Amino acid sequence: MPDYSKIHELVSHRVNIEYDSGARIVGYLASCQPGTGAVQFIKLTSAELFDSAGRRVQQAEEITICPNVLTGIHIDEGPRGRDR
């Protein structure tokens, strides 16, 4: 896993998070989780989400996202807690 710990240094700054699709999120970095070491989640305030054409699609007072590289996406539904 890449080391995202340098993101801690950006707390309280306005940041621009860009994705390979061209979409981006702009906002103030309020906090990182966990508080030390490799960052797994960040909280942005006054966030704006832009699509690949640069159009603002959403504005949020606060949003928590994962700044890490996505490695997969799967359906997460169905029965839980059953032993087979």
N, C-alpha and C. Protein backbone atom coordinates (compact mmCIF):
# COMPACT_ATOMS: atom_id res chain seq x y z
N MET A 1 0.84 -1.18 0.00
CA MET A 1 0.00 0.00 0.00
C MET A 1 0.89 1.24 0.00
N PRO A 2 0.60 2.21 -0.86
CA PRO A 2 1.37 3.45 -0.86
C PRO A 2 1.26 4.17 0.49
N ASP A 3 2.23 5.00 0.80
CA ASP A 3 2.24 5.74 2.05
C ASP A 3 1.58 7.10 1.85
N TYR A 4 0.41 7.26 2.41
CA TYR A 4 -0.34 8.51 2.28
C TYR A 4 -0.15 9.42 3.50
N SER A 5 0.86 9.14 4.34
CA SER A 5 1.03 9.89 5.59
C SER A 5 1.34 11.37 5.35
N LYS A 6 1.87 11.75 4.21
CA LYS A 6 2.17 13.16 3.93
C LYS A 6 0.90 14.01 3.85
N ILE A 7 -0.25 13.37 3.69
CA ILE A 7 -1.51 14.12 3.65
C ILE A 7 -1.74 14.84 4.97
N HIS A 8 -1.21 14.32 6.08
CA HIS A 8 -1.34 14.99 7.39
C HIS A 8 -0.84 16.43 7.32
N GLU A 9 0.17 16.68 6.51
CA GLU A 9 0.76 18.01 6.41
C GLU A 9 -0.17 19.03 5.74
N LEU A 10 -1.23 18.54 5.10
CA LEU A 10 -2.15 19.42 4.36
C LEU A 10 -3.37 19.83 5.18
N VAL A 11 -3.48 19.34 6.42
CA VAL A 11 -4.64 19.69 7.26
C VAL A 11 -4.73 21.20 7.38
N SER A 12 -5.93 21.71 7.24
CA SER A 12 -6.33 23.13 7.28
C SER A 12 -6.06 23.87 5.97
N HIS A 13 -5.55 23.18 4.97
CA HIS A 13 -5.34 23.80 3.65
C HIS A 13 -6.48 23.42 2.71
N ARG A 14 -6.70 24.27 1.72
CA ARG A 14 -7.66 23.94 0.66
C ARG A 14 -6.94 22.99 -0.31
N VAL A 15 -7.57 21.86 -0.59
CA VAL A 15 -6.94 20.84 -1.43
C VAL A 15 -7.82 20.53 -2.64
N ASN A 16 -7.18 20.03 -3.67
CA ASN A 16 -7.85 19.62 -4.90
C ASN A 16 -7.51 18.15 -5.11
N ILE A 17 -8.50 17.27 -5.02
CA ILE A 17 -8.28 15.83 -5.17
C ILE A 17 -8.77 15.45 -6.56
N GLU A 18 -7.86 14.96 -7.38
CA GLU A 18 -8.18 14.64 -8.77
C GLU A 18 -8.22 13.13 -8.98
N TYR A 19 -9.13 12.69 -9.84
CA TYR A 19 -9.29 11.27 -10.15
C TYR A 19 -8.96 11.02 -11.62
N ASP A 20 -8.64 9.78 -11.94
CA ASP A 20 -8.25 9.43 -13.31
C ASP A 20 -9.36 9.68 -14.32
N SER A 21 -10.61 9.75 -13.86
CA SER A 21 -11.74 10.01 -14.76
C SER A 21 -11.86 11.48 -15.15
N GLY A 22 -11.14 12.34 -14.43
CA GLY A 22 -11.25 13.77 -14.66
C GLY A 22 -12.10 14.45 -13.60
N ALA A 23 -12.81 13.66 -12.81
CA ALA A 23 -13.60 14.22 -11.71
C ALA A 23 -12.64 14.73 -10.64
N ARG A 24 -13.12 15.66 -9.81
CA ARG A 24 -12.28 16.17 -8.74
C ARG A 24 -13.14 16.66 -7.58
N ILE A 25 -12.54 16.74 -6.42
CA ILE A 25 -13.18 17.25 -5.22
C ILE A 25 -12.27 18.34 -4.67
N VAL A 26 -12.85 19.49 -4.35
CA VAL A 26 -12.10 20.61 -3.81
C VAL A 26 -12.71 20.97 -2.46
N GLY A 27 -11.87 21.17 -1.45
CA GLY A 27 -12.38 21.55 -0.14
C GLY A 27 -11.24 21.74 0.84
N TYR A 28 -11.60 22.12 2.07
CA TYR A 28 -10.61 22.32 3.12
C TYR A 28 -10.42 21.01 3.87
N LEU A 29 -9.18 20.56 3.98
CA LEU A 29 -8.87 19.32 4.67
C LEU A 29 -8.98 19.56 6.17
N ALA A 30 -10.01 18.99 6.79
CA ALA A 30 -10.28 19.22 8.21
C ALA A 30 -9.55 18.23 9.10
N SER A 31 -9.49 16.95 8.68
CA SER A 31 -8.83 15.95 9.51
C SER A 31 -8.50 14.71 8.70
N CYS A 32 -7.61 13.90 9.26
CA CYS A 32 -7.20 12.62 8.67
C CYS A 32 -7.48 11.51 9.67
N GLN A 33 -7.83 10.35 9.17
CA GLN A 33 -8.02 9.18 10.04
C GLN A 33 -7.20 8.04 9.50
N PRO A 34 -6.41 7.36 10.29
CA PRO A 34 -6.11 7.68 11.68
C PRO A 34 -5.28 8.96 11.81
N GLY A 35 -5.15 9.43 13.02
CA GLY A 35 -4.46 10.70 13.28
C GLY A 35 -2.98 10.69 12.99
N THR A 36 -2.36 9.52 12.97
CA THR A 36 -0.94 9.41 12.64
C THR A 36 -0.75 8.24 11.69
N GLY A 37 0.34 8.24 10.97
CA GLY A 37 0.64 7.14 10.05
C GLY A 37 -0.07 7.29 8.72
N ALA A 38 -0.20 6.17 8.02
CA ALA A 38 -0.83 6.17 6.69
C ALA A 38 -2.30 6.57 6.78
N VAL A 39 -2.69 7.54 5.98
CA VAL A 39 -4.06 8.05 5.99
C VAL A 39 -4.98 7.10 5.23
N GLN A 40 -6.13 6.79 5.83
CA GLN A 40 -7.11 5.94 5.17
C GLN A 40 -8.39 6.69 4.81
N PHE A 41 -8.72 7.72 5.59
CA PHE A 41 -9.89 8.55 5.31
C PHE A 41 -9.56 10.00 5.62
N ILE A 42 -10.20 10.92 4.89
CA ILE A 42 -10.06 12.34 5.19
C ILE A 42 -11.42 12.99 5.25
N LYS A 43 -11.52 14.04 6.07
CA LYS A 43 -12.74 14.82 6.15
C LYS A 43 -12.48 16.17 5.51
N LEU A 44 -13.32 16.55 4.55
CA LEU A 44 -13.23 17.85 3.89
C LEU A 44 -14.42 18.69 4.31
N THR A 45 -14.21 19.97 4.49
CA THR A 45 -15.31 20.90 4.73
C THR A 45 -15.40 21.86 3.55
N SER A 46 -16.55 22.48 3.40
CA SER A 46 -16.82 23.38 2.27
C SER A 46 -16.40 22.71 0.96
N ALA A 47 -16.84 21.47 0.79
CA ALA A 47 -16.41 20.66 -0.36
C ALA A 47 -17.30 20.89 -1.58
N GLU A 48 -16.66 20.84 -2.74
CA GLU A 48 -17.36 20.92 -4.01
C GLU A 48 -16.91 19.75 -4.87
N LEU A 49 -17.86 19.04 -5.47
CA LEU A 49 -17.56 17.90 -6.34
C LEU A 49 -17.79 18.32 -7.78
N PHE A 50 -16.80 18.10 -8.63
CA PHE A 50 -16.86 18.49 -10.03
C PHE A 50 -16.76 17.25 -10.91
N ASP A 51 -17.52 17.24 -12.02
CA ASP A 51 -17.42 16.13 -12.96
C ASP A 51 -16.25 16.36 -13.92
N SER A 52 -16.06 15.45 -14.85
CA SER A 52 -14.91 15.52 -15.75
C SER A 52 -14.96 16.73 -16.69
N ALA A 53 -16.14 17.32 -16.85
CA ALA A 53 -16.26 18.51 -17.70
C ALA A 53 -16.08 19.79 -16.90
N GLY A 54 -15.80 19.66 -15.59
CA GLY A 54 -15.60 20.84 -14.76
C GLY A 54 -16.87 21.44 -14.19
N ARG A 55 -18.00 20.76 -14.37
CA ARG A 55 -19.28 21.25 -13.82
C ARG A 55 -19.42 20.82 -12.37
N ARG A 56 -19.82 21.75 -11.51
CA ARG A 56 -20.05 21.40 -10.10
C ARG A 56 -21.33 20.58 -10.02
N VAL A 57 -21.24 19.39 -9.46
CA VAL A 57 -22.40 18.50 -9.36
C VAL A 57 -22.95 18.41 -7.94
N GLN A 58 -22.14 18.82 -6.97
CA GLN A 58 -22.61 18.78 -5.59
C GLN A 58 -21.76 19.70 -4.73
N GLN A 59 -22.40 20.26 -3.71
CA GLN A 59 -21.69 21.06 -2.73
C GLN A 59 -22.07 20.50 -1.37
N ALA A 60 -21.10 20.32 -0.48
CA ALA A 60 -21.37 19.74 0.83
C ALA A 60 -20.60 20.50 1.91
N GLU A 61 -21.25 20.73 3.04
CA GLU A 61 -20.57 21.37 4.17
C GLU A 61 -19.45 20.49 4.69
N GLU A 62 -19.69 19.16 4.64
CA GLU A 62 -18.69 18.22 5.15
C GLU A 62 -18.84 16.90 4.41
N ILE A 63 -17.72 16.29 4.09
CA ILE A 63 -17.74 15.00 3.40
C ILE A 63 -16.50 14.20 3.84
N THR A 64 -16.68 12.92 4.05
CA THR A 64 -15.57 12.04 4.38
C THR A 64 -15.34 11.12 3.20
N ILE A 65 -14.09 11.05 2.75
CA ILE A 65 -13.75 10.22 1.59
C ILE A 65 -12.48 9.43 1.88
N CYS A 66 -12.23 8.47 1.03
CA CYS A 66 -10.98 7.71 1.08
C CYS A 66 -10.10 8.23 -0.05
N PRO A 67 -8.93 8.80 0.26
CA PRO A 67 -8.07 9.36 -0.78
C PRO A 67 -7.17 8.33 -1.45
N ASN A 68 -7.31 7.07 -1.09
CA ASN A 68 -6.43 6.02 -1.59
C ASN A 68 -6.87 5.51 -2.95
N VAL A 69 -6.01 4.78 -3.61
CA VAL A 69 -6.30 4.21 -4.92
C VAL A 69 -7.32 3.08 -4.78
N LEU A 70 -8.37 3.13 -5.57
CA LEU A 70 -9.41 2.09 -5.57
C LEU A 70 -8.86 0.84 -6.26
N THR A 71 -9.01 -0.29 -5.60
CA THR A 71 -8.51 -1.54 -6.19
C THR A 71 -9.63 -2.48 -6.61
N GLY A 72 -10.86 -2.19 -6.26
CA GLY A 72 -11.97 -3.04 -6.68
C GLY A 72 -13.28 -2.52 -6.11
N ILE A 73 -14.37 -2.95 -6.72
CA ILE A 73 -15.70 -2.62 -6.24
C ILE A 73 -16.59 -3.83 -6.47
N HIS A 74 -17.35 -4.20 -5.44
CA HIS A 74 -18.15 -5.43 -5.49
C HIS A 74 -19.51 -5.18 -4.87
N ILE A 75 -20.49 -5.98 -5.23
CA ILE A 75 -21.81 -5.92 -4.61
C ILE A 75 -21.67 -6.37 -3.17
N ASP A 76 -22.28 -5.65 -2.26
CA ASP A 76 -22.23 -5.99 -0.83
C ASP A 76 -23.65 -6.06 -0.32
N GLU A 77 -24.34 -7.13 -0.63
CA GLU A 77 -25.71 -7.31 -0.16
C GLU A 77 -25.97 -8.79 0.01
N GLY A 78 -27.08 -9.10 0.61
CA GLY A 78 -27.44 -10.49 0.79
C GLY A 78 -27.41 -10.90 2.25
N PRO A 79 -27.60 -12.19 2.50
CA PRO A 79 -27.68 -12.70 3.88
C PRO A 79 -26.37 -12.50 4.63
N ARG A 80 -26.50 -12.29 5.92
CA ARG A 80 -25.34 -12.09 6.77
C ARG A 80 -25.42 -13.05 7.96
N GLY A 81 -24.26 -13.43 8.46
CA GLY A 81 -24.19 -14.16 9.71
C GLY A 81 -24.63 -15.62 9.66
N ARG A 82 -24.68 -16.19 8.49
CA ARG A 82 -25.07 -17.59 8.40
C ARG A 82 -23.85 -18.47 8.23
N ASP A 83 -23.81 -19.55 8.98
CA ASP A 83 -22.76 -20.55 8.80
C ASP A 83 -23.25 -21.58 7.80
N ARG A 84 -22.38 -21.99 6.94
CA ARG A 84 -22.79 -23.01 5.94
C ARG A 84 -22.06 -24.29 6.20
